[in-house]
Amino acid sequence: MTVIEQLEATIQERIAHPREGSYTCKLLAAGKVEMLKKIGEEAAEVLVAGALQPQDRLIYEGADLIYHLLVLLNSQELSWADIEAELARRFK
């Protein structure tokens, strides 16, 4: 199982069985608009890291962006596999 698959399994578990104190549950409970705002914040941090900071910071911020995107996708009954399928469709 890949890291993305493991992360999605955890997100799905939090959707099905919310846990008090879980950051993922907090994001899910905040709703779509707040998740989108957080993705925007993370995207801005990726931009800054890519332009002005060392590579390790870009990796860190990129991971945050992907995590927040996965939470949004899974909250909308989508998954990373849907993203992969779209990329495959584009680059056949």
PDB file of N, CA and C in Angstrom:
ATOM      1  N   MET A   1       0.852  -1.177   0.000  1.00  0.00           N
ATOM      2  CA  MET A   1       0.000   0.000   0.000  1.00  0.00           C
ATOM      3  C   MET A   1       0.898   1.241   0.000  1.00  0.00           C
ATOM      4  N   THR A   2       0.601   2.170  -0.882  1.00  0.00           N
ATOM      5  CA  THR A   2       1.398   3.403  -0.963  1.00  0.00           C
ATOM      6  C   THR A   2       1.063   4.337   0.198  1.00  0.00           C
ATOM      7  N   VAL A   3       1.882   5.330   0.401  1.00  0.00           N
ATOM      8  CA  VAL A   3       1.626   6.333   1.435  1.00  0.00           C
ATOM      9  C   VAL A   3       0.311   7.059   1.151  1.00  0.00           C
ATOM     10  N   ILE A   4       0.059   7.387  -0.103  1.00  0.00           N
ATOM     11  CA  ILE A   4      -1.193   8.060  -0.465  1.00  0.00           C
ATOM     12  C   ILE A   4      -2.378   7.162  -0.105  1.00  0.00           C
ATOM     13  N   GLU A   5      -2.293   5.878  -0.418  1.00  0.00           N
ATOM     14  CA  GLU A   5      -3.380   4.948  -0.093  1.00  0.00           C
ATOM     15  C   GLU A   5      -3.587   4.841   1.423  1.00  0.00           C
ATOM     16  N   GLN A   6      -2.497   4.814   2.163  1.00  0.00           N
ATOM     17  CA  GLN A   6      -2.592   4.765   3.624  1.00  0.00           C
ATOM     18  C   GLN A   6      -3.238   6.031   4.167  1.00  0.00           C
ATOM     19  N   LEU A   7      -2.837   7.170   3.623  1.00  0.00           N
ATOM     20  CA  LEU A   7      -3.400   8.434   4.061  1.00  0.00           C
ATOM     21  C   LEU A   7      -4.889   8.507   3.733  1.00  0.00           C
ATOM     22  N   GLU A   8      -5.248   8.077   2.525  1.00  0.00           N
ATOM     23  CA  GLU A   8      -6.665   8.074   2.160  1.00  0.00           C
ATOM     24  C   GLU A   8      -7.475   7.120   3.045  1.00  0.00           C
ATOM     25  N   ALA A   9      -6.900   6.007   3.402  1.00  0.00           N
ATOM     26  CA  ALA A   9      -7.599   5.072   4.300  1.00  0.00           C
ATOM     27  C   ALA A   9      -7.852   5.729   5.649  1.00  0.00           C
ATOM     28  N   THR A  10      -6.881   6.478   6.138  1.00  0.00           N
ATOM     29  CA  THR A  10      -7.050   7.194   7.403  1.00  0.00           C
ATOM     30  C   THR A  10      -8.125   8.267   7.271  1.00  0.00           C
ATOM     31  N   ILE A  11      -8.105   9.007   6.169  1.00  0.00           N
ATOM     32  CA  ILE A  11      -9.123  10.041   5.944  1.00  0.00           C
ATOM     33  C   ILE A  11     -10.510   9.398   5.888  1.00  0.00           C
ATOM     34  N   GLN A  12     -10.633   8.290   5.170  1.00  0.00           N
ATOM     35  CA  GLN A  12     -11.914   7.592   5.088  1.00  0.00           C
ATOM     36  C   GLN A  12     -12.370   7.101   6.464  1.00  0.00           C
ATOM     37  N   GLU A  13     -11.439   6.637   7.251  1.00  0.00           N
ATOM     38  CA  GLU A  13     -11.750   6.200   8.622  1.00  0.00           C
ATOM     39  C   GLU A  13     -12.273   7.379   9.442  1.00  0.00           C
ATOM     40  N   ARG A  14     -11.651   8.549   9.294  1.00  0.00           N
ATOM     41  CA  ARG A  14     -12.094   9.751  10.028  1.00  0.00           C
ATOM     42  C   ARG A  14     -13.473  10.213   9.545  1.00  0.00           C
ATOM     43  N   ILE A  15     -13.751  10.050   8.258  1.00  0.00           N
ATOM     44  CA  ILE A  15     -15.072  10.404   7.741  1.00  0.00           C
ATOM     45  C   ILE A  15     -16.125   9.478   8.354  1.00  0.00           C
ATOM     46  N   ALA A  16     -15.832   8.195   8.373  1.00  0.00           N
ATOM     47  CA  ALA A  16     -16.788   7.209   8.875  1.00  0.00           C
ATOM     48  C   ALA A  16     -16.912   7.232  10.403  1.00  0.00           C
ATOM     49  N   HIS A  17     -15.785   7.492  11.072  1.00  0.00           N
ATOM     50  CA  HIS A  17     -15.740   7.430  12.539  1.00  0.00           C
ATOM     51  C   HIS A  17     -14.936   8.617  13.067  1.00  0.00           C
ATOM     52  N   PRO A  18     -15.563   9.788  13.144  1.00  0.00           N
ATOM     53  CA  PRO A  18     -14.840  10.980  13.614  1.00  0.00           C
ATOM     54  C   PRO A  18     -14.235  10.771  15.000  1.00  0.00           C
ATOM     55  N   ARG A  19     -13.055  11.345  15.179  1.00  0.00           N
ATOM     56  CA  ARG A  19     -12.341  11.257  16.457  1.00  0.00           C
ATOM     57  C   ARG A  19     -12.138  12.656  17.008  1.00  0.00           C
ATOM     58  N   GLU A  20     -12.419  12.826  18.273  1.00  0.00           N
ATOM     59  CA  GLU A  20     -12.170  14.094  18.916  1.00  0.00           C
ATOM     60  C   GLU A  20     -10.662  14.369  18.918  1.00  0.00           C
ATOM     61  N   GLY A  21     -10.292  15.591  18.593  1.00  0.00           N
ATOM     62  CA  GLY A  21      -8.894  15.970  18.582  1.00  0.00           C
ATOM     63  C   GLY A  21      -8.179  15.706  17.264  1.00  0.00           C
ATOM     64  N   SER A  22      -8.843  15.084  16.316  1.00  0.00           N
ATOM     65  CA  SER A  22      -8.239  14.777  15.019  1.00  0.00           C
ATOM     66  C   SER A  22      -8.257  16.022  14.132  1.00  0.00           C
ATOM     67  N   TYR A  23      -7.096  16.381  13.588  1.00  0.00           N
ATOM     68  CA  TYR A  23      -7.026  17.526  12.689  1.00  0.00           C
ATOM     69  C   TYR A  23      -7.847  17.262  11.427  1.00  0.00           C
ATOM     70  N   THR A  24      -7.803  16.049  10.918  1.00  0.00           N
ATOM     71  CA  THR A  24      -8.596  15.696   9.741  1.00  0.00           C
ATOM     72  C   THR A  24     -10.081  15.889  10.026  1.00  0.00           C
ATOM     73  N   CYS A  25     -10.542  15.453  11.188  1.00  0.00           N
ATOM     74  CA  CYS A  25     -11.950  15.630  11.548  1.00  0.00           C
ATOM     75  C   CYS A  25     -12.301  17.105  11.679  1.00  0.00           C
ATOM     76  N   LYS A  26     -11.383  17.887  12.198  1.00  0.00           N
ATOM     77  CA  LYS A  26     -11.615  19.329  12.310  1.00  0.00           C
ATOM     78  C   LYS A  26     -11.806  19.946  10.924  1.00  0.00           C
ATOM     79  N   LEU A  27     -10.965  19.556   9.975  1.00  0.00           N
ATOM     80  CA  LEU A  27     -11.103  20.050   8.605  1.00  0.00           C
ATOM     81  C   LEU A  27     -12.440  19.628   7.998  1.00  0.00           C
ATOM     82  N   LEU A  28     -12.780  18.378   8.167  1.00  0.00           N
ATOM     83  CA  LEU A  28     -14.036  17.859   7.612  1.00  0.00           C
ATOM     84  C   LEU A  28     -15.242  18.577   8.209  1.00  0.00           C
ATOM     85  N   ALA A  29     -15.211  18.807   9.505  1.00  0.00           N
ATOM     86  CA  ALA A  29     -16.322  19.467  10.180  1.00  0.00           C
ATOM     87  C   ALA A  29     -16.440  20.934   9.777  1.00  0.00           C
ATOM     88  N   ALA A  30     -15.335  21.544   9.412  1.00  0.00           N
ATOM     89  CA  ALA A  30     -15.341  22.959   9.032  1.00  0.00           C
ATOM     90  C   ALA A  30     -16.093  23.186   7.722  1.00  0.00           C
ATOM     91  N   GLY A  31     -16.124  22.168   6.882  1.00  0.00           N
ATOM     92  CA  GLY A  31     -16.866  22.268   5.630  1.00  0.00           C
ATOM     93  C   GLY A  31     -16.008  22.630   4.429  1.00  0.00           C
ATOM     94  N   LYS A  32     -16.650  22.563   3.292  1.00  0.00           N
ATOM     95  CA  LYS A  32     -15.966  22.721   2.005  1.00  0.00           C
ATOM     96  C   LYS A  32     -15.284  24.075   1.848  1.00  0.00           C
ATOM     97  N   VAL A  33     -15.971  25.144   2.216  1.00  0.00           N
ATOM     98  CA  VAL A  33     -15.386  26.478   2.041  1.00  0.00           C
ATOM     99  C   VAL A  33     -14.105  26.616   2.847  1.00  0.00           C
ATOM    100  N   GLU A  34     -14.126  26.154   4.080  1.00  0.00           N
ATOM    101  CA  GLU A  34     -12.922  26.247   4.916  1.00  0.00           C
ATOM    102  C   GLU A  34     -11.806  25.343   4.391  1.00  0.00           C
ATOM    103  N   MET A  35     -12.180  24.167   3.875  1.00  0.00           N
ATOM    104  CA  MET A  35     -11.154  23.297   3.273  1.00  0.00           C
ATOM    105  C   MET A  35     -10.518  23.973   2.070  1.00  0.00           C
ATOM    106  N   LEU A  36     -11.337  24.631   1.263  1.00  0.00           N
ATOM    107  CA  LEU A  36     -10.813  25.345   0.096  1.00  0.00           C
ATOM    108  C   LEU A  36      -9.897  26.486   0.508  1.00  0.00           C
ATOM    109  N   LYS A  37     -10.262  27.215   1.552  1.00  0.00           N
ATOM    110  CA  LYS A  37      -9.395  28.287   2.059  1.00  0.00           C
ATOM    111  C   LYS A  37      -8.049  27.719   2.482  1.00  0.00           C
ATOM    112  N   LYS A  38      -8.086  26.585   3.178  1.00  0.00           N
ATOM    113  CA  LYS A  38      -6.837  25.965   3.650  1.00  0.00           C
ATOM    114  C   LYS A  38      -5.982  25.520   2.463  1.00  0.00           C
ATOM    115  N   ILE A  39      -6.604  24.983   1.434  1.00  0.00           N
ATOM    116  CA  ILE A  39      -5.853  24.598   0.239  1.00  0.00           C
ATOM    117  C   ILE A  39      -5.211  25.829  -0.395  1.00  0.00           C
ATOM    118  N   GLY A  40      -5.942  26.942  -0.426  1.00  0.00           N
ATOM    119  CA  GLY A  40      -5.379  28.190  -0.942  1.00  0.00           C
ATOM    120  C   GLY A  40      -4.173  28.646  -0.139  1.00  0.00           C
ATOM    121  N   GLU A  41      -4.278  28.567   1.176  1.00  0.00           N
ATOM    122  CA  GLU A  41      -3.143  28.931   2.040  1.00  0.00           C
ATOM    123  C   GLU A  41      -1.937  28.040   1.756  1.00  0.00           C
ATOM    124  N   GLU A  42      -2.199  26.753   1.657  1.00  0.00           N
ATOM    125  CA  GLU A  42      -1.104  25.807   1.409  1.00  0.00           C
ATOM    126  C   GLU A  42      -0.490  26.027   0.030  1.00  0.00           C
ATOM    127  N   ALA A  43      -1.314  26.334  -0.959  1.00  0.00           N
ATOM    128  CA  ALA A  43      -0.792  26.612  -2.302  1.00  0.00           C
ATOM    129  C   ALA A  43       0.111  27.846  -2.278  1.00  0.00           C
ATOM    130  N   ALA A  44      -0.295  28.870  -1.531  1.00  0.00           N
ATOM    131  CA  ALA A  44       0.539  30.070  -1.410  1.00  0.00           C
ATOM    132  C   ALA A  44       1.871  29.731  -0.746  1.00  0.00           C
ATOM    133  N   GLU A  45       1.851  28.872   0.244  1.00  0.00           N
ATOM    134  CA  GLU A  45       3.087  28.461   0.912  1.00  0.00           C
ATOM    135  C   GLU A  45       3.991  27.678  -0.040  1.00  0.00           C
ATOM    136  N   VAL A  46       3.399  26.886  -0.927  1.00  0.00           N
ATOM    137  CA  VAL A  46       4.179  26.173  -1.944  1.00  0.00           C
ATOM    138  C   VAL A  46       4.844  27.182  -2.885  1.00  0.00           C
ATOM    139  N   LEU A  47       4.106  28.193  -3.273  1.00  0.00           N
ATOM    140  CA  LEU A  47       4.661  29.222  -4.158  1.00  0.00           C
ATOM    141  C   LEU A  47       5.858  29.914  -3.522  1.00  0.00           C
ATOM    142  N   VAL A  48       5.712  30.302  -2.277  1.00  0.00           N
ATOM    143  CA  VAL A  48       6.806  30.983  -1.574  1.00  0.00           C
ATOM    144  C   VAL A  48       8.003  30.044  -1.427  1.00  0.00           C
ATOM    145  N   ALA A  49       7.728  28.819  -1.024  1.00  0.00           N
ATOM    146  CA  ALA A  49       8.821  27.852  -0.856  1.00  0.00           C
ATOM    147  C   ALA A  49       9.528  27.597  -2.181  1.00  0.00           C
ATOM    148  N   GLY A  50       8.761  27.473  -3.251  1.00  0.00           N
ATOM    149  CA  GLY A  50       9.367  27.215  -4.557  1.00  0.00           C
ATOM    150  C   GLY A  50      10.209  28.366  -5.058  1.00  0.00           C
ATOM    151  N   ALA A  51       9.839  29.577  -4.683  1.00  0.00           N
ATOM    152  CA  ALA A  51      10.554  30.751  -5.164  1.00  0.00           C
ATOM    153  C   ALA A  51      11.707  31.163  -4.267  1.00  0.00           C
ATOM    154  N   LEU A  52      11.555  30.972  -2.953  1.00  0.00           N
ATOM    155  CA  LEU A  52      12.482  31.631  -2.033  1.00  0.00           C
ATOM    156  C   LEU A  52      13.144  30.744  -0.990  1.00  0.00           C
ATOM    157  N   GLN A  53      12.726  29.506  -0.888  1.00  0.00           N
ATOM    158  CA  GLN A  53      13.205  28.687   0.216  1.00  0.00           C
ATOM    159  C   GLN A  53      13.917  27.440  -0.283  1.00  0.00           C
ATOM    160  N   PRO A  54      14.642  26.769   0.612  1.00  0.00           N
ATOM    161  CA  PRO A  54      15.360  25.548   0.219  1.00  0.00           C
ATOM    162  C   PRO A  54      14.406  24.435  -0.208  1.00  0.00           C
ATOM    163  N   GLN A  55      14.941  23.468  -0.920  1.00  0.00           N
ATOM    164  CA  GLN A  55      14.142  22.371  -1.449  1.00  0.00           C
ATOM    165  C   GLN A  55      13.399  21.599  -0.368  1.00  0.00           C
ATOM    166  N   ASP A  56      13.999  21.436   0.798  1.00  0.00           N
ATOM    167  CA  ASP A  56      13.313  20.685   1.845  1.00  0.00           C
ATOM    168  C   ASP A  56      12.026  21.387   2.287  1.00  0.00           C
ATOM    169  N   ARG A  57      12.024  22.715   2.230  1.00  0.00           N
ATOM    170  CA  ARG A  57      10.807  23.455   2.574  1.00  0.00           C
ATOM    171  C   ARG A  57       9.732  23.263   1.504  1.00  0.00           C
ATOM    172  N   LEU A  58      10.148  23.218   0.247  1.00  0.00           N
ATOM    173  CA  LEU A  58       9.201  22.965  -0.847  1.00  0.00           C
ATOM    174  C   LEU A  58       8.570  21.581  -0.698  1.00  0.00           C
ATOM    175  N   ILE A  59       9.361  20.604  -0.338  1.00  0.00           N
ATOM    176  CA  ILE A  59       8.847  19.256  -0.109  1.00  0.00           C
ATOM    177  C   ILE A  59       7.831  19.267   1.034  1.00  0.00           C
ATOM    178  N   TYR A  60       8.168  19.929   2.125  1.00  0.00           N
ATOM    179  CA  TYR A  60       7.292  20.007   3.287  1.00  0.00           C
ATOM    180  C   TYR A  60       5.956  20.657   2.931  1.00  0.00           C
ATOM    181  N   GLU A  61       6.027  21.794   2.262  1.00  0.00           N
ATOM    182  CA  GLU A  61       4.805  22.515   1.894  1.00  0.00           C
ATOM    183  C   GLU A  61       4.012  21.754   0.828  1.00  0.00           C
ATOM    184  N   GLY A  62       4.708  21.082  -0.083  1.00  0.00           N
ATOM    185  CA  GLY A  62       4.028  20.261  -1.086  1.00  0.00           C
ATOM    186  C   GLY A  62       3.254  19.129  -0.432  1.00  0.00           C
ATOM    187  N   ALA A  63       3.841  18.513   0.581  1.00  0.00           N
ATOM    188  CA  ALA A  63       3.155  17.443   1.312  1.00  0.00           C
ATOM    189  C   ALA A  63       1.900  17.982   1.995  1.00  0.00           C
ATOM    190  N   ASP A  64       2.001  19.172   2.601  1.00  0.00           N
ATOM    191  CA  ASP A  64       0.825  19.788   3.220  1.00  0.00           C
ATOM    192  C   ASP A  64      -0.273  20.025   2.188  1.00  0.00           C
ATOM    193  N   LEU A  65       0.101  20.539   1.032  1.00  0.00           N
ATOM    194  CA  LEU A  65      -0.874  20.823  -0.020  1.00  0.00           C
ATOM    195  C   LEU A  65      -1.579  19.539  -0.471  1.00  0.00           C
ATOM    196  N   ILE A  66      -0.817  18.495  -0.684  1.00  0.00           N
ATOM    197  CA  ILE A  66      -1.398  17.221  -1.129  1.00  0.00           C
ATOM    198  C   ILE A  66      -2.318  16.647  -0.057  1.00  0.00           C
ATOM    199  N   TYR A  67      -1.901  16.713   1.201  1.00  0.00           N
ATOM    200  CA  TYR A  67      -2.759  16.223   2.287  1.00  0.00           C
ATOM    201  C   TYR A  67      -4.110  16.947   2.288  1.00  0.00           C
ATOM    202  N   HIS A  68      -4.062  18.268   2.232  1.00  0.00           N
ATOM    203  CA  HIS A  68      -5.306  19.043   2.268  1.00  0.00           C
ATOM    204  C   HIS A  68      -6.175  18.766   1.031  1.00  0.00           C
ATOM    205  N   LEU A  69      -5.546  18.568  -0.111  1.00  0.00           N
ATOM    206  CA  LEU A  69      -6.288  18.204  -1.313  1.00  0.00           C
ATOM    207  C   LEU A  69      -6.952  16.839  -1.137  1.00  0.00           C
ATOM    208  N   LEU A  70      -6.245  15.890  -0.546  1.00  0.00           N
ATOM    209  CA  LEU A  70      -6.814  14.563  -0.310  1.00  0.00           C
ATOM    210  C   LEU A  70      -8.024  14.629   0.615  1.00  0.00           C
ATOM    211  N   VAL A  71      -7.957  15.462   1.641  1.00  0.00           N
ATOM    212  CA  VAL A  71      -9.105  15.607   2.533  1.00  0.00           C
ATOM    213  C   VAL A  71     -10.300  16.131   1.749  1.00  0.00           C
ATOM    214  N   LEU A  72     -10.087  17.161   0.933  1.00  0.00           N
ATOM    215  CA  LEU A  72     -11.179  17.711   0.128  1.00  0.00           C
ATOM    216  C   LEU A  72     -11.728  16.667  -0.843  1.00  0.00           C
ATOM    217  N   LEU A  73     -10.837  16.008  -1.570  1.00  0.00           N
ATOM    218  CA  LEU A  73     -11.278  14.998  -2.535  1.00  0.00           C
ATOM    219  C   LEU A  73     -12.135  13.935  -1.860  1.00  0.00           C
ATOM    220  N   ASN A  74     -11.631  13.395  -0.773  1.00  0.00           N
ATOM    221  CA  ASN A  74     -12.346  12.319  -0.096  1.00  0.00           C
ATOM    222  C   ASN A  74     -13.659  12.802   0.512  1.00  0.00           C
ATOM    223  N   SER A  75     -13.710  14.052   0.929  1.00  0.00           N
ATOM    224  CA  SER A  75     -14.972  14.589   1.458  1.00  0.00           C
ATOM    225  C   SER A  75     -16.016  14.721   0.356  1.00  0.00           C
ATOM    226  N   GLN A  76     -15.571  14.759  -0.888  1.00  0.00           N
ATOM    227  CA  GLN A  76     -16.458  14.869  -2.043  1.00  0.00           C
ATOM    228  C   GLN A  76     -16.650  13.523  -2.750  1.00  0.00           C
ATOM    229  N   GLU A  77     -16.280  12.452  -2.054  1.00  0.00           N
ATOM    230  CA  GLU A  77     -16.373  11.087  -2.571  1.00  0.00           C
ATOM    231  C   GLU A  77     -15.533  10.884  -3.828  1.00  0.00           C
ATOM    232  N   LEU A  78     -14.390  11.555  -3.843  1.00  0.00           N
ATOM    233  CA  LEU A  78     -13.381  11.382  -4.889  1.00  0.00           C
ATOM    234  C   LEU A  78     -12.123  10.862  -4.222  1.00  0.00           C
ATOM    235  N   SER A  79     -11.105  10.541  -5.043  1.00  0.00           N
ATOM    236  CA  SER A  79      -9.871  10.011  -4.472  1.00  0.00           C
ATOM    237  C   SER A  79      -8.678  10.378  -5.342  1.00  0.00           C
ATOM    238  N   TRP A  80      -7.512  10.050  -4.835  1.00  0.00           N
ATOM    239  CA  TRP A  80      -6.281  10.254  -5.594  1.00  0.00           C
ATOM    240  C   TRP A  80      -6.333   9.461  -6.898  1.00  0.00           C
ATOM    241  N   ALA A  81      -6.994   8.303  -6.870  1.00  0.00           N
ATOM    242  CA  ALA A  81      -7.127   7.484  -8.084  1.00  0.00           C
ATOM    243  C   ALA A  81      -7.852   8.265  -9.180  1.00  0.00           C
ATOM    244  N   ASP A  82      -8.785   9.124  -8.803  1.00  0.00           N
ATOM    245  CA  ASP A  82      -9.471   9.958  -9.793  1.00  0.00           C
ATOM    246  C   ASP A  82      -8.502  10.955 -10.428  1.00  0.00           C
ATOM    247  N   ILE A  83      -7.597  11.486  -9.631  1.00  0.00           N
ATOM    248  CA  ILE A  83      -6.568  12.402 -10.151  1.00  0.00           C
ATOM    249  C   ILE A  83      -5.635  11.637 -11.089  1.00  0.00           C
ATOM    250  N   GLU A  84      -5.208  10.453 -10.661  1.00  0.00           N
ATOM    251  CA  GLU A  84      -4.334   9.638 -11.510  1.00  0.00           C
ATOM    252  C   GLU A  84      -5.013   9.283 -12.828  1.00  0.00           C
ATOM    253  N   ALA A  85      -6.300   8.950 -12.770  1.00  0.00           N
ATOM    254  CA  ALA A  85      -7.032   8.608 -13.988  1.00  0.00           C
ATOM    255  C   ALA A  85      -7.088   9.805 -14.941  1.00  0.00           C
ATOM    256  N   GLU A  86      -7.286  10.988 -14.406  1.00  0.00           N
ATOM    257  CA  GLU A  86      -7.312  12.189 -15.249  1.00  0.00           C
ATOM    258  C   GLU A  86      -5.948  12.454 -15.868  1.00  0.00           C
ATOM    259  N   LEU A  87      -4.890  12.285 -15.079  1.00  0.00           N
ATOM    260  CA  LEU A  87      -3.537  12.465 -15.627  1.00  0.00           C
ATOM    261  C   LEU A  87      -3.253  11.437 -16.717  1.00  0.00           C
ATOM    262  N   ALA A  88      -3.666  10.212 -16.496  1.00  0.00           N
ATOM    263  CA  ALA A  88      -3.469   9.157 -17.497  1.00  0.00           C
ATOM    264  C   ALA A  88      -4.234   9.492 -18.772  1.00  0.00           C
ATOM    265  N   ARG A  89      -5.446  10.000 -18.622  1.00  0.00           N
ATOM    266  CA  ARG A  89      -6.246  10.377 -19.773  1.00  0.00           C
ATOM    267  C   ARG A  89      -5.554  11.466 -20.584  1.00  0.00           C
ATOM    268  N   ARG A  90      -4.935  12.388 -19.898  1.00  0.00           N
ATOM    269  CA  ARG A  90      -4.266  13.508 -20.562  1.00  0.00           C
ATOM    270  C   ARG A  90      -2.976  13.095 -21.264  1.00  0.00           C
ATOM    271  N   PHE A  91      -2.299  12.106 -20.725  1.00  0.00           N
ATOM    272  CA  PHE A  91      -0.962  11.775 -21.239  1.00  0.00           C
ATOM    273  C   PHE A  91      -0.858  10.404 -21.867  1.00  0.00           C
ATOM    274  N   LYS A  92      -1.943   9.947 -22.475  1.00  0.00           N
ATOM    275  CA  LYS A  92      -1.896   8.658 -23.172  1.00  0.00           C
ATOM    276  C   LYS A  92      -1.134   8.792 -24.457  1.00  0.00           C
TER     277      LYS A  92
END
